[in-house]
Every structure is written in structure tokens, then in C-alpha cells.
């Protein structure tokens, strides 16, 4: 059986550079860029990122659920009545998908490369 843990947040942004600078100045958070569309937030107490990718970002902040089996997680979501809104895709460091649970909240499930 796949394992699941909530341990990630992702904030949509129109400019990763502007948001990165803001969070650094306001709260002292560090960052690591993974290209123009994504910046990892460092030192926030939980894994997080700033997503500026036009084709792969939510309109609201996301909570991320880490799993060790992305395909089993996708099946579990749909079997429980969730709707996958962005199919499983690769990103630098693993694979992920977005889904909407029956109450309307959108979340992210990701599986880091090992």
C-alpha cells in the first residue's frame, strides 16, 4: 500500500523572481531556482515552492501530499471520488498531479525521485 503524508505547500505566482524577493526580505526565507517557472522555498519549516509556470499552476495555494507510489495515489483519489485536474507529469525531482476533492479543494500529490 502506498504511503501518504502532507508536507508541502505551493503558492501560485505571476513572477517567481518577485515572490522570491518578497519572501526573502519579509521572512528571511532562502530559495533555489529550478528554471523560470519554479522556485523552491527554503527555511520555511515545511517544503514549499513558488509556481510561476503558466501551464502547471493552480489559481490558489496548494497543499501537497507526498507519496511513494504516484500511480496508486492517482487511483486512490479517483476511487474515492476525486477528480484529477492535472494528470500525472514529471517535474525536476519527481512526478506529480493535481486533483479536486469532492468538497472542492484542489490539492497536489507528488512522488520525489529516490
Protein backbone atom coordinates (compact mmCIF):
# COMPACT_ATOMS: atom_id res chain seq x y z
CA UNK A 1 0.00 0.00 0.00
CA UNK A 2 1.24 3.48 -0.83
CA UNK A 3 2.17 5.87 1.95
CA UNK A 4 0.87 9.45 2.21
CA UNK A 5 1.95 12.49 4.26
CA UNK A 6 1.08 16.20 3.99
CA UNK A 7 4.41 18.02 3.92
CA UNK A 8 4.43 20.61 1.12
CA UNK A 9 2.89 23.91 0.07
CA UNK A 10 2.92 25.64 -3.29
CA UNK A 11 1.95 29.22 -4.00
CA UNK A 12 0.92 30.36 -7.48
CA UNK A 13 2.69 33.50 -8.65
CA UNK A 14 2.85 35.61 -11.79
CA UNK A 15 6.57 36.19 -11.09
CA UNK A 16 8.78 33.76 -9.20
CA UNK A 17 11.51 36.42 -9.00
CA UNK A 18 9.22 39.00 -7.38
CA UNK A 19 7.73 36.50 -4.93
CA UNK A 20 11.16 35.05 -4.10
CA UNK A 21 12.45 38.54 -3.28
CA UNK A 22 9.38 39.33 -1.16
CA UNK A 23 9.58 36.17 0.99
CA UNK A 24 13.33 36.60 1.39
CA UNK A 25 13.03 40.21 2.53
CA UNK A 26 9.90 39.79 4.66
CA UNK A 27 10.71 36.49 6.39
CA UNK A 28 14.32 35.64 5.58
CA UNK A 29 13.39 32.54 3.56
CA UNK A 30 16.01 31.26 1.16
CA UNK A 31 15.36 29.88 -2.29
CA UNK A 32 16.61 27.58 -5.03
CA UNK A 33 15.56 28.17 -8.64
CA UNK A 34 14.58 25.30 -10.92
CA UNK A 35 14.16 27.42 -14.04
CA UNK A 36 11.95 30.42 -14.76
CA UNK A 37 8.72 28.74 -13.66
CA UNK A 38 9.56 27.32 -10.24
CA UNK A 39 11.47 28.35 -7.12
CA UNK A 40 11.84 26.15 -4.05
CA UNK A 41 11.31 27.97 -0.74
CA UNK A 42 13.99 27.14 1.85
CA UNK A 43 13.89 27.65 5.60
CA UNK A 44 10.10 27.95 5.95
CA UNK A 45 9.75 24.96 8.27
CA UNK A 46 8.00 22.85 5.61
CA UNK A 47 8.85 22.08 1.98
CA UNK A 48 7.43 24.68 -0.35
CA UNK A 49 7.60 26.37 -3.68
CA UNK A 50 6.59 29.31 -5.82
CA UNK A 51 4.99 28.19 -9.08
CA UNK A 52 5.08 30.60 -11.98
CA UNK A 53 4.60 28.00 -14.74
CA UNK A 54 1.68 29.08 -16.93
CA UNK A 55 0.66 25.50 -17.83
CA UNK A 56 1.03 23.82 -14.43
CA UNK A 57 -0.13 26.08 -11.62
CA UNK A 58 -3.23 26.29 -9.51
CA UNK A 59 -5.13 29.53 -9.04
CA UNK A 60 -4.94 29.12 -5.24
CA UNK A 61 -2.31 27.93 -2.77
CA UNK A 62 -1.87 24.16 -2.78
CA UNK A 63 -1.23 21.68 -0.02
CA UNK A 64 0.97 18.83 -1.16
CA UNK A 65 0.67 15.17 -0.22
CA UNK A 66 3.88 13.15 -0.63
CA UNK A 67 3.56 9.53 -1.72
CA UNK A 68 5.89 6.70 -2.63
CA UNK A 69 3.60 5.44 -5.45
CA UNK A 70 2.15 8.11 -7.74
CA UNK A 71 0.05 5.68 -9.82
CA UNK A 72 -1.53 4.11 -6.72
CA UNK A 73 -2.21 7.61 -5.36
CA UNK A 74 -3.99 8.63 -8.58
CA UNK A 75 -6.16 5.50 -8.40
CA UNK A 76 -6.92 6.12 -4.71
CA UNK A 77 -8.01 9.70 -5.47
CA UNK A 78 -10.36 8.71 -8.29
CA UNK A 79 -11.68 5.65 -6.43
CA UNK A 80 -12.60 7.94 -3.51
CA UNK A 81 -14.50 10.35 -5.79
CA UNK A 82 -11.78 12.91 -6.52
CA UNK A 83 -11.24 14.41 -9.97
CA UNK A 84 -7.72 14.67 -11.38
CA UNK A 85 -7.40 18.22 -12.76
CA UNK A 86 -3.78 17.99 -13.99
CA UNK A 87 -2.67 14.47 -14.96
CA UNK A 88 0.48 12.80 -13.67
CA UNK A 89 3.53 14.54 -15.14
CA UNK A 90 7.24 14.73 -14.47
CA UNK A 91 8.97 17.70 -12.87
CA UNK A 92 12.64 18.17 -11.93
CA UNK A 93 12.87 15.82 -8.98
CA UNK A 94 9.88 13.51 -9.44
CA UNK A 95 6.29 13.19 -10.64
CA UNK A 96 3.07 14.95 -9.58
CA UNK A 97 -0.61 15.52 -10.29
CA UNK A 98 -3.32 17.90 -9.09
CA UNK A 99 -6.82 16.88 -8.05
CA UNK A 100 -10.04 18.32 -6.69
CA UNK A 101 -11.64 16.54 -3.75
CA UNK A 102 -15.47 16.25 -3.62
CA UNK A 103 -15.76 19.31 -1.35
CA UNK A 104 -14.00 21.49 -3.94
CA UNK A 105 -10.45 21.94 -2.60
CA UNK A 106 -7.61 21.40 -5.05
CA UNK A 107 -4.51 19.58 -3.79
CA UNK A 108 -1.23 18.28 -5.16
CA UNK A 109 0.17 14.75 -4.86
CA UNK A 110 3.86 14.27 -5.59
CA UNK A 111 6.38 11.45 -5.59
CA UNK A 112 10.02 12.53 -5.31
CA UNK A 113 12.69 10.62 -7.19
CA UNK A 114 14.68 8.39 -4.91
